[in-house]
Protein backbone atom coordinates (compact mmCIF):
# COMPACT_ATOMS: atom_id res chain seq x y z
CA MET A 1 6.01 12.37 -17.88
CA SER A 2 4.34 9.04 -18.44
CA LEU A 3 3.60 7.54 -21.86
CA ALA A 4 -0.08 8.27 -21.37
CA GLU A 5 0.67 11.99 -21.17
CA SER A 6 3.31 12.17 -23.90
CA PRO A 7 2.02 13.61 -27.19
CA LEU A 8 2.94 11.59 -30.25
CA PRO A 9 4.91 13.45 -32.94
CA THR A 10 2.59 14.77 -35.65
CA SER A 11 4.98 16.70 -37.82
CA THR A 12 8.33 16.25 -39.48
CA GLY A 13 9.62 19.71 -38.73
CA PRO A 14 13.01 20.36 -37.12
CA ALA A 15 13.36 19.13 -33.57
CA ALA A 16 14.22 21.44 -30.72
CA PRO A 17 17.83 21.39 -29.55
CA ALA A 18 18.51 18.61 -27.10
CA GLY A 19 18.32 19.76 -23.49
CA ALA A 20 16.65 23.07 -24.30
CA GLY A 21 14.03 24.09 -21.78
CA ALA A 22 10.97 26.28 -22.16
CA SER A 23 13.10 29.40 -22.19
CA GLY A 24 15.58 27.97 -24.68
CA ALA A 25 18.41 27.91 -22.13
CA ASP A 26 20.92 25.09 -22.21
CA PRO A 27 21.36 23.59 -18.74
CA SER A 28 24.83 22.35 -19.66
CA ALA A 29 26.08 25.89 -20.15
CA GLY A 30 26.69 26.40 -16.44
CA GLY A 31 24.37 27.84 -13.85
CA PRO A 32 22.42 26.06 -11.14
CA SER A 33 21.12 22.57 -11.86
CA VAL A 34 17.43 21.86 -11.59
CA GLY A 35 15.36 18.72 -11.18
CA ALA A 36 13.26 17.02 -13.80
CA SER A 37 10.23 19.12 -12.79
CA GLY A 38 12.20 22.36 -13.17
CA ALA A 39 12.50 22.96 -9.41
CA ARG A 40 15.80 23.23 -7.61
CA PRO A 41 16.63 20.30 -5.30
CA SER A 42 15.60 21.03 -1.72
CA ALA A 43 17.48 20.09 1.42
CA TRP A 44 14.36 18.17 2.47
CA ASP A 45 14.93 15.77 -0.43
CA ARG A 46 18.19 14.47 1.03
CA PRO A 47 17.84 10.96 2.52
CA GLY A 48 19.58 11.90 5.77
CA VAL A 49 17.37 14.95 6.30
CA ARG A 50 14.20 13.00 5.54
CA LEU A 51 15.21 10.21 7.90
CA THR A 52 15.93 12.66 10.70
CA ALA A 53 12.70 14.57 10.12
CA GLY A 54 10.68 11.36 10.01
CA ALA A 55 12.11 10.20 13.33
CA ALA A 56 11.49 13.53 15.06
CA LEU A 57 7.76 13.12 15.73
CA PRO A 58 7.98 9.54 17.10
CA LEU A 59 10.77 10.68 19.45
CA ILE A 60 8.66 13.60 20.64
CA VAL A 61 5.68 11.30 21.26
CA LEU A 62 7.91 8.81 23.10
CA THR A 63 9.35 11.57 25.28
CA ALA A 64 5.92 12.94 26.11
CA TRP A 65 4.72 9.41 26.87
CA GLN A 66 7.58 8.89 29.32
CA LEU A 67 6.98 12.25 30.99
CA VAL A 68 3.24 11.80 31.61
CA THR A 69 3.80 8.33 33.08
CA ALA A 70 6.84 9.28 35.18
CA THR A 71 5.08 12.31 36.70
CA GLY A 72 1.89 10.38 37.42
CA LEU A 73 -0.18 12.66 35.20
CA VAL A 74 -1.77 9.52 33.70
CA PRO A 75 -2.25 6.41 35.85
CA VAL A 76 0.01 3.51 34.93
CA TYR A 77 -2.95 1.14 34.69
CA ARG A 78 -4.23 3.25 31.79
CA LEU A 79 -0.92 4.11 30.16
CA PRO A 80 2.10 2.00 31.17
CA ALA A 81 5.55 3.49 30.75
CA PRO A 82 7.50 2.74 27.55
CA LEU A 83 9.91 0.56 29.53
CA THR A 84 7.00 -1.51 30.85
CA VAL A 85 5.78 -2.10 27.29
CA LEU A 86 9.30 -3.09 26.27
CA GLN A 87 9.49 -5.51 29.18
CA ALA A 88 6.19 -7.06 28.14
CA GLY A 89 7.67 -7.67 24.71
CA GLY A 90 10.78 -9.19 26.24
CA ASP A 91 8.62 -11.51 28.34
CA LEU A 92 6.77 -12.76 25.25
CA VAL A 93 10.06 -13.23 23.42
CA SER A 94 11.55 -15.26 26.27
CA ARG A 95 8.49 -17.52 26.18
CA GLY A 96 8.81 -17.98 22.44
CA GLU A 97 5.37 -16.49 21.71
CA LEU A 98 6.01 -13.08 20.15
CA GLY A 99 7.94 -14.33 17.14
CA LEU A 100 5.24 -16.90 16.42
CA HIS A 101 2.47 -14.30 16.60
CA ILE A 102 4.37 -12.03 14.22
CA ALA A 103 5.26 -14.80 11.76
CA ILE A 104 1.69 -16.07 11.53
CA SER A 105 0.24 -12.58 11.00
CA VAL A 106 2.82 -11.65 8.35
CA GLN A 107 2.17 -14.91 6.52
CA ARG A 108 -1.57 -14.27 6.48
CA VAL A 109 -1.14 -10.71 5.26
CA LEU A 110 1.25 -11.61 2.46
CA LEU A 111 -0.92 -14.50 1.22
CA GLY A 112 -4.12 -12.47 1.33
CA PHE A 113 -2.43 -9.45 -0.25
CA ALA A 114 -0.99 -11.54 -3.10
CA ILE A 115 -4.26 -13.33 -3.85
CA GLY A 116 -6.41 -10.21 -3.61
CA SER A 117 -4.01 -8.12 -5.72
CA VAL A 118 -3.76 -10.67 -8.53
CA ILE A 119 -7.54 -11.08 -8.72
CA GLY A 120 -7.98 -7.32 -8.47
CA LEU A 121 -5.61 -6.71 -11.40
CA ALA A 122 -7.38 -9.33 -13.52
CA VAL A 123 -10.87 -7.97 -12.83
CA ALA A 124 -9.64 -4.39 -13.30
CA ALA A 125 -8.33 -5.33 -16.75
CA VAL A 126 -11.73 -6.76 -17.71
CA VAL A 127 -13.64 -3.74 -16.41
CA GLY A 128 -11.17 -1.11 -17.61
CA LEU A 129 -10.62 -2.47 -21.12
CA SER A 130 -14.10 -3.79 -21.93
CA ARG A 131 -17.31 -1.79 -22.00
CA ALA A 132 -19.28 -4.99 -21.54
CA GLY A 133 -17.21 -5.95 -18.52
CA ASP A 134 -17.69 -2.49 -17.05
CA ALA A 135 -21.46 -2.64 -17.50
CA LEU A 136 -21.75 -6.17 -16.09
CA LEU A 137 -19.37 -6.05 -13.13
CA SER A 138 -19.05 -2.46 -11.90
CA PRO A 139 -22.49 -2.11 -10.20
CA THR A 140 -22.13 -5.39 -8.28
CA LEU A 141 -18.55 -4.70 -7.22
CA ALA A 142 -19.47 -1.18 -6.11
CA ALA A 143 -22.17 -2.64 -3.86
CA LEU A 144 -19.84 -5.30 -2.42
CA ARG A 145 -17.20 -2.67 -1.72
CA ALA A 146 -19.59 -0.94 0.68
CA VAL A 147 -19.92 -4.07 2.87
CA PRO A 148 -17.96 -3.61 6.15
CA SER A 149 -15.13 -6.05 6.78
CA LEU A 150 -16.72 -7.55 9.90
CA ALA A 151 -19.87 -8.39 7.96
CA TRP A 152 -17.94 -11.02 6.00
CA VAL A 153 -16.68 -12.85 9.07
CA PRO A 154 -19.82 -14.89 10.01
CA LEU A 155 -20.31 -16.01 6.41
CA LEU A 156 -16.67 -17.00 5.94
CA ILE A 157 -16.69 -18.94 9.19
CA LEU A 158 -19.81 -20.84 8.08
CA TRP A 159 -18.38 -21.56 4.64
CA LEU A 160 -14.68 -22.09 5.40
CA GLN A 161 -14.76 -22.85 9.13
CA ILE A 162 -12.33 -21.37 11.66
CA GLY A 163 -9.05 -21.93 9.87
CA GLU A 164 -6.45 -20.22 7.72
CA GLU A 165 -8.73 -20.26 4.68
CA SER A 166 -11.32 -17.92 6.20
CA LYS A 167 -8.69 -15.47 7.48
CA VAL A 168 -6.71 -15.34 4.23
CA THR A 169 -9.93 -14.96 2.24
CA LEU A 170 -11.01 -12.00 4.36
CA ILE A 171 -7.63 -10.33 3.89
CA ALA A 172 -7.79 -11.01 0.14
CA ILE A 173 -11.19 -9.30 0.02
CA GLY A 174 -9.68 -6.27 1.69
CA ALA A 175 -6.74 -6.17 -0.73
CA PHE A 176 -8.91 -6.72 -3.82
CA PHE A 177 -10.91 -3.51 -3.86
CA PRO A 178 -8.13 -0.87 -3.71
CA VAL A 179 -6.28 -2.56 -6.59
CA PHE A 180 -9.44 -3.06 -8.64
CA THR A 181 -10.77 0.47 -8.13
CA THR A 182 -7.49 2.26 -8.83
CA VAL A 183 -6.37 0.25 -11.85
CA ALA A 184 -9.80 0.02 -13.50
CA ALA A 185 -10.21 3.80 -13.27
CA ALA A 186 -6.73 4.32 -14.73
CA LEU A 187 -7.40 1.97 -17.65
CA ARG A 188 -10.69 3.72 -18.44
CA HIS A 189 -8.95 7.10 -18.57
CA ILE A 190 -6.05 6.23 -20.87
CA ASP A 191 -5.84 8.78 -23.68
CA PRO A 192 -7.84 7.21 -26.56
CA HIS A 193 -5.64 9.00 -29.09
CA LEU A 194 -2.62 7.22 -27.66
CA VAL A 195 -4.35 3.84 -28.02
CA GLU A 196 -5.44 4.66 -31.56
CA ALA A 197 -1.91 5.67 -32.46
CA GLY A 198 -0.68 2.31 -31.18
CA ARG A 199 -3.22 0.52 -33.35
CA CYS A 200 -2.07 2.51 -36.35
CA PHE A 201 1.39 1.06 -35.76
CA GLY A 202 -0.06 -2.45 -35.88
CA LEU A 203 -0.35 -3.05 -32.14
CA HIS A 204 -3.31 -5.13 -30.99
CA GLY A 205 -4.28 -7.27 -28.02
CA TRP A 206 -1.37 -8.18 -25.75
CA SER A 207 1.18 -6.14 -27.71
CA LEU A 208 -0.99 -3.03 -27.42
CA PHE A 209 -1.51 -3.62 -23.70
CA ARG A 210 2.18 -4.25 -23.02
CA THR A 211 3.50 -1.38 -25.14
CA VAL A 212 0.93 1.38 -24.65
CA GLN A 213 -1.64 0.68 -21.94
CA LEU A 214 0.50 -0.94 -19.26
CA PRO A 215 3.15 1.82 -19.07
CA ALA A 216 0.33 4.36 -18.82
CA VAL A 217 -1.18 2.74 -15.71
CA VAL A 218 1.95 1.54 -13.85
CA PRO A 219 1.85 4.49 -11.38
CA SER A 220 -1.81 3.68 -10.66
CA VAL A 221 -0.99 -0.01 -10.20
CA VAL A 222 1.66 0.86 -7.61
CA SER A 223 -0.71 3.23 -5.81
CA GLY A 224 -3.36 0.51 -5.74
CA LEU A 225 -0.90 -2.01 -4.34
CA ARG A 226 0.14 0.37 -1.57
CA LEU A 227 -3.48 0.94 -0.59
CA ALA A 228 -4.15 -2.81 -0.79
CA LEU A 229 -1.26 -3.59 1.55
CA ALA A 230 -2.52 -1.13 4.14
CA GLN A 231 -6.02 -2.55 3.79
CA ALA A 232 -4.66 -6.07 4.22
CA TRP A 233 -3.26 -5.18 7.64
CA LEU A 234 -6.62 -3.68 8.65
CA PHE A 235 -8.50 -6.79 7.58
CA LEU A 236 -5.95 -8.98 9.36
CA VAL A 237 -6.91 -7.48 12.70
CA ALA A 238 -10.61 -7.95 11.89
CA ALA A 239 -10.00 -11.63 11.06
CA GLU A 240 -7.81 -12.39 14.06
CA LEU A 241 -9.95 -10.53 16.58
CA ILE A 242 -12.87 -12.86 16.04
CA ALA A 243 -11.67 -16.27 14.96
CA SER A 244 -8.05 -16.94 15.84
CA SER A 245 -5.86 -18.58 18.47
CA MET A 246 -2.58 -17.06 17.24
CA GLY A 247 -1.42 -13.84 15.62
CA LEU A 248 -1.20 -10.19 16.55
CA GLY A 249 -4.96 -9.69 16.36
CA PHE A 250 -5.44 -12.56 18.79
CA LEU A 251 -2.77 -11.07 21.09
CA LEU A 252 -4.62 -7.75 20.96
CA ASN A 253 -7.96 -9.33 21.88
CA ASP A 254 -6.48 -11.60 24.55
CA SER A 255 -4.66 -8.68 26.17
CA GLN A 256 -7.86 -6.64 26.26
CA GLN A 257 -9.74 -9.45 27.99
CA ASN A 258 -6.94 -9.81 30.56
CA GLY A 259 -6.48 -6.08 31.12
CA ARG A 260 -2.89 -6.11 29.85
CA VAL A 261 -2.60 -2.55 28.54
CA ASP A 262 1.15 -2.98 28.11
CA ARG A 263 0.62 -5.83 25.64
CA ILE A 264 -2.10 -3.88 23.84
CA LEU A 265 0.32 -1.00 23.29
CA LEU A 266 3.05 -3.44 22.29
CA THR A 267 0.79 -5.00 19.64
CA ILE A 268 -0.20 -1.59 18.26
CA VAL A 269 3.45 -0.57 17.96
CA LEU A 270 4.31 -3.87 16.26
CA LEU A 271 1.47 -3.48 13.76
CA ALA A 272 2.67 0.04 12.95
CA LEU A 273 6.27 -1.12 12.50
CA LEU A 274 5.33 -4.12 10.36
CA GLY A 275 3.04 -2.00 8.20
CA SER A 276 5.81 0.55 7.68
CA LEU A 277 8.35 -2.17 6.89
CA THR A 278 6.19 -3.90 4.29
CA ASN A 279 5.30 -0.53 2.76
CA ALA A 280 9.02 0.32 2.51
CA LEU A 281 9.70 -2.99 0.75
CA LEU A 282 6.87 -2.24 -1.67
CA GLY A 283 8.49 1.15 -2.25
CA LEU A 284 11.63 -0.61 -3.52
CA VAL A 285 9.49 -2.61 -5.94
CA GLU A 286 7.81 0.63 -7.00
CA LYS A 287 11.14 2.21 -7.98
CA LYS A 288 12.04 -0.78 -10.16
CA LEU A 289 8.62 -0.85 -11.83
CA LEU A 290 8.63 2.87 -12.56
CA ARG A 291 12.17 2.66 -13.90
CA ARG A 292 11.17 -0.22 -16.19
CA TRP A 293 7.72 0.84 -17.36
CA ALA A 294 6.88 4.46 -16.56
């Protein structure tokens, strides 16, 4: 239970026995152990089981892909075999191109994600903690959020030219809105009684935010960051499809123009793997944040 949900003590009566549940039973007295939510641990919660289950569907898709191409059910010019896609990747690696495309795209995503997330957190604090900030900024930001990603591209090219600045800015725009929306909503819905109790204990300003408000919104911050990271990868492709000479988005567009379906599939698989990898790394950060603040 997070701090925002925890009722403050209002009486000085005797406390319940430590470890006693709703039924008054003592879990240390023997019997089956239960989780923090009261439910018994499931076999699906084991890391090995989850890893195996998560790999099952990709293996099924890969097998079906191989079967339809090997039997000629789908023409190879529309759907190359998995081995052909792998060979296309090996060819790009041998020419020293694939690693460069990946490195440039990852760099753009991380820069845009970091910039957009920091700005999103700052603006969310203003809107979520200030009624004036909410009234002044929320309508405009809600309108800007509805603008499609590709609509920003011509303006950014005119303002920032065809360079890293325009691409990173577009990715930052994509990362900004999930963080802003999620965190601002969480700050607005913090229990006012909890905030008032903190003020009664002499907490104000930064001390109130750090002690009471921040722990209450940490889960929302992490959720916003996860959404922002996924959005950053989406906006990366939009940026590199139109104005780029390197990167996975450029490789996707160049392969489409040259009819290289194998490279198109390779790029899609790489984007999926990179998105999953960065999301997993963010999951490690999430565990540390929740252990520290939630």
